[in-house]
């Protein structure tokens, strides 16, 4: 990729129409909304996440291990210096990035990636780092890894790796089960198939649910997850997330402290190629999903829309991308219930990896391909 790329924004218009209702069984009656998909930047190599910087700029990760700044006019910077080595391959690489809620004061960012084992050792795991973005937007400084998933295993699958910072400054990080270690998701002596909660310094907060339980890792917030690649805070400050099922059974959950979300004991999916997986769809002591997809949509990225930029009907909706279908899914939520679902951008044909609401109240997405794009969904 050249050091810098300028993009002329050309809008591709998609008329958004009411979609098929979700599990509630009723039709979506929200009025249609016309939007334009506006390319902000293109030529990105498997972009995984976008975060927002001052003055309309963006911070974008590329899975092979590069982080770039995109200007408000679509200029793409050379890779930032200071990014640690990543275990790039399969689903692994440089993954999520978020800016600290106090970024305007401290210029701190948090990012997660697949971390290779130390020299001479084998395996990898998901790691979370913090750093300071230099004033000239050319490098990461004071990089420190504040969490490393344990144990490291030889796998290129199921890293999870979405970061959410709560109002108290603490960080949630979603962690995949590493695929062939799925049974670990039911054990509290490892980080596979878990959501963890840590301070910005990497410590386990004293009110974490398993902090005083012998044999349990104190960082764990919830467990029984498969491969969570979307997470966000709801308007009420509660954590929401979604996770990939196997063949069918992608789920939306609202992870609560100490709760068991069932994987791989219960699932609405089945083995690849067919056949029962686990013990069924429900079991005492295990949480039911708030919403699930059969067949799978391969969800990635997640954001609540709090603005009215697309009209009042969309305000409060939950949005998630689909890697499988290239669609954007709008879910109407009341409390902790998903009531209706609408499929947007049908026919777009691009794998949607991340979805975020920007400071301007508009939705932004990155698409997963060797020539990935940063897109803005503009009200028409």
Protein backbone atom coordinates (compact mmCIF):
# COMPACT_ATOMS: atom_id res chain seq x y z
CA UNK A 1 0.00 0.00 0.00
CA UNK A 2 1.36 3.49 -0.82
CA UNK A 3 2.22 5.72 2.17
CA UNK A 4 -0.90 7.77 1.69
CA UNK A 5 -4.15 7.31 -0.16
CA UNK A 6 -6.71 9.99 -0.91
CA UNK A 7 -10.29 8.95 -1.52
CA UNK A 8 -12.90 10.90 -3.40
CA UNK A 9 -16.18 10.23 -1.61
CA UNK A 10 -18.72 8.81 -4.02
CA UNK A 11 -22.05 7.89 -2.46
CA UNK A 12 -23.71 4.59 -3.21
CA UNK A 13 -27.40 5.00 -2.40
CA UNK A 14 -29.30 2.25 -0.63
CA UNK A 15 -32.99 2.68 0.17
CA UNK A 16 -33.55 1.10 3.54
CA UNK A 17 -36.90 -0.63 3.84
CA UNK A 18 -38.65 -2.38 6.70
CA UNK A 19 -37.25 -5.88 7.18
CA UNK A 20 -38.41 -9.18 8.57
CA UNK A 21 -39.24 -9.22 12.24
CA UNK A 22 -37.09 -11.17 14.67
CA UNK A 23 -38.16 -13.73 17.24
CA UNK A 24 -40.96 -11.53 18.57
CA UNK A 25 -42.89 -12.56 15.47
CA UNK A 26 -44.29 -9.16 14.43
CA UNK A 27 -43.46 -7.16 11.34
CA UNK A 28 -41.16 -4.19 11.66
CA UNK A 29 -43.39 -1.14 11.32
CA UNK A 30 -40.68 1.55 11.51
CA UNK A 31 -40.80 3.96 8.57
CA UNK A 32 -38.28 3.45 5.77
CA UNK A 33 -35.11 5.54 5.95
CA UNK A 34 -33.08 6.51 2.89
CA UNK A 35 -29.33 6.56 3.40
CA UNK A 36 -26.17 6.85 1.32
CA UNK A 37 -23.06 4.72 1.92
CA UNK A 38 -20.19 7.17 1.60
CA UNK A 39 -16.62 5.83 1.29
CA UNK A 40 -14.32 7.69 3.68
CA UNK A 41 -11.17 5.67 2.91
CA UNK A 42 -10.31 2.57 0.91
CA UNK A 43 -7.36 0.29 0.17
CA UNK A 44 -7.13 -0.89 3.79
CA UNK A 45 -5.78 -4.41 4.35
CA UNK A 46 -8.42 -6.34 6.30
CA UNK A 47 -9.35 -3.47 8.63
CA UNK A 48 -10.72 -4.75 11.94
CA UNK A 49 -11.74 -1.73 13.99
CA UNK A 50 -12.20 2.02 13.83
CA UNK A 51 -11.90 4.55 16.66
CA UNK A 52 -12.51 8.29 16.54
CA UNK A 53 -9.91 11.02 16.97
CA UNK A 54 -10.39 14.79 17.28
CA UNK A 55 -10.95 16.98 14.21
CA UNK A 56 -12.81 14.30 12.30
CA UNK A 57 -9.87 11.88 12.12
CA UNK A 58 -9.98 8.10 12.59
CA UNK A 59 -7.73 5.41 13.98
CA UNK A 60 -7.98 2.12 12.07
CA UNK A 61 -6.37 -1.27 12.72
CA UNK A 62 -5.39 -3.66 9.95
CA UNK A 63 -5.35 -7.34 10.88
CA UNK A 64 -1.83 -8.06 9.47
CA UNK A 65 -0.44 -5.82 12.23
CA UNK A 66 -0.66 -2.19 11.17
CA UNK A 67 -2.42 0.81 12.69
CA UNK A 68 -3.15 3.89 10.61
CA UNK A 69 -4.67 7.35 10.96
CA UNK A 70 -7.28 8.40 8.40
CA UNK A 71 -7.82 12.12 7.96
CA UNK A 72 -11.26 13.72 7.71
CA UNK A 73 -10.69 13.96 3.95
CA UNK A 74 -9.81 10.26 3.60
CA UNK A 75 -6.01 10.46 3.54
CA UNK A 76 -4.52 7.22 4.93
CA UNK A 77 -1.29 7.56 6.90
CA UNK A 78 1.74 5.26 6.80
CA UNK A 79 1.67 2.58 9.53
CA UNK A 80 2.23 3.95 13.01
CA UNK A 81 5.51 3.01 14.67
CA UNK A 82 5.47 1.21 18.01
CA UNK A 83 2.84 -1.48 17.36
CA UNK A 84 4.06 -4.71 19.02
CA UNK A 85 4.58 -7.92 17.07
CA UNK A 86 1.36 -9.81 16.39
CA UNK A 87 0.66 -13.45 15.55
CA UNK A 88 -0.96 -12.64 12.21
CA UNK A 89 -2.66 -15.54 10.49
CA UNK A 90 -6.11 -17.07 10.27
CA UNK A 91 -8.33 -14.92 12.48
CA UNK A 92 -5.38 -13.52 14.41
CA UNK A 93 -3.57 -10.23 14.10
CA UNK A 94 -4.07 -6.64 15.22
CA UNK A 95 -7.73 -6.45 16.16
CA UNK A 96 -9.73 -3.96 18.25
CA UNK A 97 -8.83 -0.41 19.24
CA UNK A 98 -10.61 2.21 21.38
CA UNK A 99 -9.66 5.64 22.66
CA UNK A 100 -9.67 6.29 26.38
CA UNK A 101 -12.70 8.24 27.60
CA UNK A 102 -10.16 10.86 28.75
CA UNK A 103 -8.26 10.86 25.43
CA UNK A 104 -8.50 14.64 25.08
CA UNK A 105 -6.39 14.91 28.21
CA UNK A 106 -4.11 11.85 28.12
CA UNK A 107 -4.02 10.74 24.42
CA UNK A 108 -4.28 7.14 25.63
CA UNK A 109 -5.61 4.30 23.52
CA UNK A 110 -6.27 0.62 24.23
CA UNK A 111 -5.87 -2.10 21.61
CA UNK A 112 -5.94 -5.89 21.55
CA UNK A 113 -4.19 -8.39 19.33
CA UNK A 114 -3.10 -12.00 19.01
CA UNK A 115 0.11 -12.11 21.01
CA UNK A 116 2.81 -14.64 20.06
CA UNK A 117 4.47 -16.67 22.78
CA UNK A 118 7.92 -15.67 23.97
CA UNK A 119 10.90 -16.59 21.83
CA UNK A 120 11.48 -20.32 21.89
CA UNK A 121 7.91 -21.11 22.97
CA UNK A 122 4.89 -22.04 20.88
CA UNK A 123 1.34 -20.73 20.82
CA UNK A 124 -0.45 -17.40 21.07
CA UNK A 125 -3.30 -15.72 22.92
CA UNK A 126 -5.29 -12.49 23.02
CA UNK A 127 -3.51 -9.58 24.68
CA UNK A 128 -4.66 -6.08 25.65
CA UNK A 129 -2.27 -3.13 25.54
CA UNK A 130 -2.40 0.55 26.30
CA UNK A 131 -0.34 3.26 24.65
CA UNK A 132 -0.09 6.98 24.08
CA UNK A 133 -0.74 8.27 20.56
CA UNK A 134 1.98 10.77 19.68
CA UNK A 135 1.02 14.36 19.00
CA UNK A 136 2.22 14.06 15.40
CA UNK A 137 0.04 10.95 14.86
CA UNK A 138 3.04 8.91 13.72
CA UNK A 139 3.71 6.51 16.56
CA UNK A 140 2.55 4.75 19.70
CA UNK A 141 4.52 5.62 22.80
CA UNK A 142 4.75 4.08 26.28
CA UNK A 143 3.25 0.83 25.01
CA UNK A 144 2.44 -1.58 27.83
CA UNK A 145 0.68 -4.93 27.67
CA UNK A 146 -1.74 -4.91 30.60
CA UNK A 147 -3.34 -8.33 30.06
CA UNK A 148 -2.43 -11.62 28.36
CA UNK A 149 -4.94 -14.43 28.00
CA UNK A 150 -3.80 -17.66 29.65
CA UNK A 151 -2.89 -20.26 28.65
CA UNK A 152 -1.34 -19.68 25.26
CA UNK A 153 -2.24 -22.39 22.75
CA UNK A 154 -1.41 -23.21 19.15
CA UNK A 155 -4.44 -21.93 17.24
CA UNK A 156 -5.26 -19.28 14.65
CA UNK A 157 -8.95 -19.18 15.60
CA UNK A 158 -11.39 -17.58 18.07
CA UNK A 159 -9.50 -14.68 19.63
CA UNK A 160 -12.62 -12.65 20.47
CA UNK A 161 -10.97 -9.28 21.15
CA UNK A 162 -13.53 -6.50 21.55
CA UNK A 163 -12.81 -3.78 24.11
CA UNK A 164 -15.37 -1.70 25.99
CA UNK A 165 -14.51 0.98 28.55
CA UNK A 166 -17.17 1.53 31.20
CA UNK A 167 -18.05 4.85 32.78
CA UNK A 168 -15.87 4.01 35.81
CA UNK A 169 -12.83 3.63 33.54
CA UNK A 170 -12.59 -0.13 33.88
CA UNK A 171 -12.20 -2.24 30.74
CA UNK A 172 -14.15 -5.22 29.47
CA UNK A 173 -12.40 -7.53 26.99
CA UNK A 174 -14.08 -10.40 25.16
CA UNK A 175 -12.04 -13.59 24.79
CA UNK A 176 -12.66 -16.49 22.43
CA UNK A 177 -12.48 -20.16 23.34
CA UNK A 178 -9.64 -20.79 20.83
CA UNK A 179 -11.86 -23.30 18.98
CA UNK A 180 -10.34 -26.66 19.97
CA UNK A 181 -10.27 -25.60 23.65
CA UNK A 182 -14.03 -25.04 23.81
CA UNK A 183 -14.46 -27.09 27.01
CA UNK A 184 -12.25 -24.54 28.79
CA UNK A 185 -15.13 -22.06 28.51
CA UNK A 186 -16.81 -23.85 31.45
CA UNK A 187 -13.73 -23.72 33.70
CA UNK A 188 -12.65 -20.75 35.78
CA UNK A 189 -8.92 -21.55 35.89
CA UNK A 190 -8.28 -20.15 32.39
CA UNK A 191 -9.29 -17.21 30.19
CA UNK A 192 -10.73 -19.16 27.23
CA UNK A 193 -14.34 -18.30 26.37
CA UNK A 194 -14.57 -15.53 28.96
CA UNK A 195 -15.24 -11.84 29.35
CA UNK A 196 -12.79 -10.19 31.67
CA UNK A 197 -12.93 -6.90 33.54
CA UNK A 198 -9.75 -5.09 34.50
CA UNK A 199 -8.56 -1.61 35.47
CA UNK A 200 -6.61 0.54 32.97
CA UNK A 201 -3.48 -0.69 34.76
CA UNK A 202 -4.42 -4.34 34.25
CA UNK A 203 -5.49 -5.22 37.80
CA UNK A 204 -8.66 -7.13 38.65
CA UNK A 205 -11.13 -4.77 40.39
CA UNK A 206 -11.91 -6.00 43.92
CA UNK A 207 -15.65 -6.29 43.16
CA UNK A 208 -15.17 -8.77 40.30
CA UNK A 209 -17.38 -11.84 40.87
CA UNK A 210 -14.64 -14.48 41.26
CA UNK A 211 -12.00 -12.42 43.02
CA UNK A 212 -12.23 -14.43 46.23
CA UNK A 213 -13.08 -17.86 44.79
CA UNK A 214 -10.21 -20.34 45.15
CA UNK A 215 -8.94 -21.62 41.83
CA UNK A 216 -10.73 -18.98 39.77
CA UNK A 217 -8.96 -16.22 37.85
CA UNK A 218 -9.90 -12.86 39.37
CA UNK A 219 -10.20 -11.04 36.02
CA UNK A 220 -13.19 -13.14 34.91
CA UNK A 221 -16.53 -11.31 34.64
CA UNK A 222 -18.62 -13.97 32.85
CA UNK A 223 -17.95 -17.31 31.17
CA UNK A 224 -19.35 -19.92 28.79
CA UNK A 225 -18.74 -17.80 25.67
CA UNK A 226 -17.56 -18.99 22.24
CA UNK A 227 -16.09 -16.23 20.05
CA UNK A 228 -17.39 -12.74 20.90
CA UNK A 229 -16.53 -10.18 18.21
CA UNK A 230 -18.96 -7.43 19.16
CA UNK A 231 -19.46 -5.53 22.41
CA UNK A 232 -20.79 -2.15 23.45
CA UNK A 233 -22.45 -0.28 26.29
CA UNK A 234 -26.20 0.20 26.19
CA UNK A 235 -27.75 3.62 26.77
CA UNK A 236 -28.15 2.63 30.42
CA UNK A 237 -24.45 1.77 30.74
CA UNK A 238 -24.90 -2.03 30.76
CA UNK A 239 -22.62 -4.25 28.70
CA UNK A 240 -24.03 -5.95 25.60
CA UNK A 241 -22.18 -8.38 23.36
CA UNK A 242 -22.68 -10.93 20.62
CA UNK A 243 -20.80 -14.10 19.85
CA UNK A 244 -20.43 -16.51 16.97
CA UNK A 245 -22.24 -19.80 17.32
CA UNK A 246 -21.00 -22.93 15.55
CA UNK A 247 -23.29 -23.81 12.60
CA UNK A 248 -26.19 -21.59 13.63
CA UNK A 249 -26.76 -20.16 17.07
CA UNK A 250 -25.04 -16.77 16.94
CA UNK A 251 -26.14 -15.01 20.14
CA UNK A 252 -26.69 -11.60 21.69
CA UNK A 253 -26.12 -11.55 25.44
CA UNK A 254 -25.99 -9.01 28.22
CA UNK A 255 -23.11 -10.39 30.30
CA UNK A 256 -23.71 -10.10 34.01
CA UNK A 257 -21.12 -10.71 36.73
CA UNK A 258 -20.52 -14.35 37.49
CA UNK A 259 -23.08 -15.70 35.03
CA UNK A 260 -22.55 -18.77 32.85
CA UNK A 261 -23.65 -18.34 29.21
CA UNK A 262 -23.59 -22.03 28.45
CA UNK A 263 -21.07 -22.70 25.70
CA UNK A 264 -20.43 -25.52 24.76
CA UNK A 265 -23.03 -27.24 26.94
CA UNK A 266 -26.04 -25.42 25.52
CA UNK A 267 -26.37 -23.82 22.09
CA UNK A 268 -28.90 -23.12 19.36
CA UNK A 269 -26.32 -24.23 16.80
CA UNK A 270 -25.07 -27.62 15.72
CA UNK A 271 -21.81 -29.27 14.69
CA UNK A 272 -20.33 -28.19 11.38
CA UNK A 273 -21.80 -30.54 8.82
CA UNK A 274 -24.79 -31.23 11.08
CA UNK A 275 -25.39 -33.15 14.28
CA UNK A 276 -26.20 -32.32 17.89
CA UNK A 277 -23.71 -30.31 19.89
CA UNK A 278 -23.80 -30.22 23.68
CA UNK A 279 -26.84 -31.11 25.78
CA UNK A 280 -29.52 -29.03 24.08
CA UNK A 281 -30.66 -25.42 24.17
CA UNK A 282 -31.26 -24.93 27.90
CA UNK A 283 -29.92 -26.09 31.25
CA UNK A 284 -30.39 -24.94 34.83
CA UNK A 285 -27.76 -22.43 35.92
CA UNK A 286 -27.00 -21.32 32.36
CA UNK A 287 -28.25 -18.10 30.79
CA UNK A 288 -30.44 -17.89 27.72
CA UNK A 289 -29.44 -15.47 24.93
CA UNK A 290 -31.48 -12.31 24.49
CA UNK A 291 -31.57 -13.03 20.75
CA UNK A 292 -30.08 -15.63 18.43
CA UNK A 293 -29.70 -16.28 14.73
CA UNK A 294 -30.33 -19.55 12.92
CA UNK A 295 -28.81 -19.71 10.36
CA UNK A 296 -25.73 -17.81 11.47
CA UNK A 297 -25.04 -14.30 10.18
CA UNK A 298 -21.41 -14.29 11.51
CA UNK A 299 -21.84 -11.06 13.51
CA UNK A 300 -19.01 -8.58 13.99
CA UNK A 301 -19.03 -5.08 15.42
CA UNK A 302 -21.79 -3.66 17.59
CA UNK A 303 -23.13 -0.20 18.43
CA UNK A 304 -26.17 1.44 19.95
CA UNK A 305 -27.40 4.48 18.05
CA UNK A 306 -28.09 7.26 20.53
CA UNK A 307 -28.45 10.12 18.04
CA UNK A 308 -31.46 11.19 15.96
CA UNK A 309 -29.41 11.71 12.78
CA UNK A 310 -31.48 9.04 11.00
CA UNK A 311 -34.77 10.06 12.57
CA UNK A 312 -36.43 9.22 15.84
CA UNK A 313 -37.44 5.72 14.71
CA UNK A 314 -33.84 4.51 14.70
CA UNK A 315 -32.76 6.16 17.94
CA UNK A 316 -31.97 3.53 20.57
CA UNK A 317 -31.54 0.75 17.98
CA UNK A 318 -28.73 -1.77 18.24
CA UNK A 319 -26.66 -2.27 15.08
CA UNK A 320 -24.39 -5.18 14.18
CA UNK A 321 -22.59 -6.14 11.00
CA UNK A 322 -22.67 -9.49 9.23
CA UNK A 323 -19.52 -11.06 7.84
CA UNK A 324 -21.49 -13.82 6.14
CA UNK A 325 -24.11 -11.77 4.30
CA UNK A 326 -22.60 -8.27 4.20
CA UNK A 327 -25.75 -6.89 5.79
CA UNK A 328 -26.20 -4.42 8.62
CA UNK A 329 -28.75 -5.56 11.19
CA UNK A 330 -30.86 -3.05 13.10
CA UNK A 331 -32.48 -4.43 16.23
CA UNK A 332 -35.20 -2.62 18.12
CA UNK A 333 -34.61 -3.02 21.83
CA UNK A 334 -36.92 -2.40 24.79
CA UNK A 335 -35.15 -2.82 28.11
CA UNK A 336 -33.18 -6.04 27.77
CA UNK A 337 -35.45 -7.49 25.08
CA UNK A 338 -34.83 -7.56 21.34
CA UNK A 339 -38.25 -7.04 19.78
CA UNK A 340 -37.68 -6.64 16.04
CA UNK A 341 -34.92 -6.97 13.50
CA UNK A 342 -34.36 -5.22 10.17
CA UNK A 343 -31.74 -6.18 7.56
CA UNK A 344 -30.12 -3.19 5.90
CA UNK A 345 -27.66 -2.82 2.99
CA UNK A 346 -28.78 -6.04 1.38
CA UNK A 347 -26.83 -6.58 -1.80
CA UNK A 348 -23.85 -4.52 -0.61
CA UNK A 349 -21.67 -7.63 -0.78
CA UNK A 350 -18.96 -6.51 1.65
CA UNK A 351 -18.11 -8.29 4.90
CA UNK A 352 -18.89 -5.79 7.68
CA UNK A 353 -16.27 -6.16 10.40
CA UNK A 354 -16.93 -3.20 12.69
CA UNK A 355 -19.80 -0.79 13.39
CA UNK A 356 -19.43 2.35 15.53
CA UNK A 357 -21.34 5.55 16.17
CA UNK A 358 -19.11 8.54 15.56
CA UNK A 359 -18.97 11.83 17.48
CA UNK A 360 -21.16 13.30 14.74
CA UNK A 361 -23.93 10.83 15.58
CA UNK A 362 -23.53 8.90 12.31
CA UNK A 363 -22.72 5.21 11.86
CA UNK A 364 -19.33 4.14 10.53
CA UNK A 365 -18.25 0.69 9.34
CA UNK A 366 -15.12 -1.05 8.13
CA UNK A 367 -15.26 -3.87 5.60
CA UNK A 368 -13.10 -6.97 5.80
CA UNK A 369 -11.13 -7.54 2.58
CA UNK A 370 -7.63 -6.99 1.16
CA UNK A 371 -9.05 -3.71 -0.19
CA UNK A 372 -11.21 -2.89 2.80
CA UNK A 373 -13.06 0.37 3.18
CA UNK A 374 -14.06 2.79 5.91
CA UNK A 375 -17.67 3.78 5.23
CA UNK A 376 -20.06 6.39 6.61
CA UNK A 377 -23.80 5.82 6.48
CA UNK A 378 -25.16 9.24 5.54
CA UNK A 379 -28.86 10.17 5.86
CA UNK A 380 -30.02 10.93 2.33
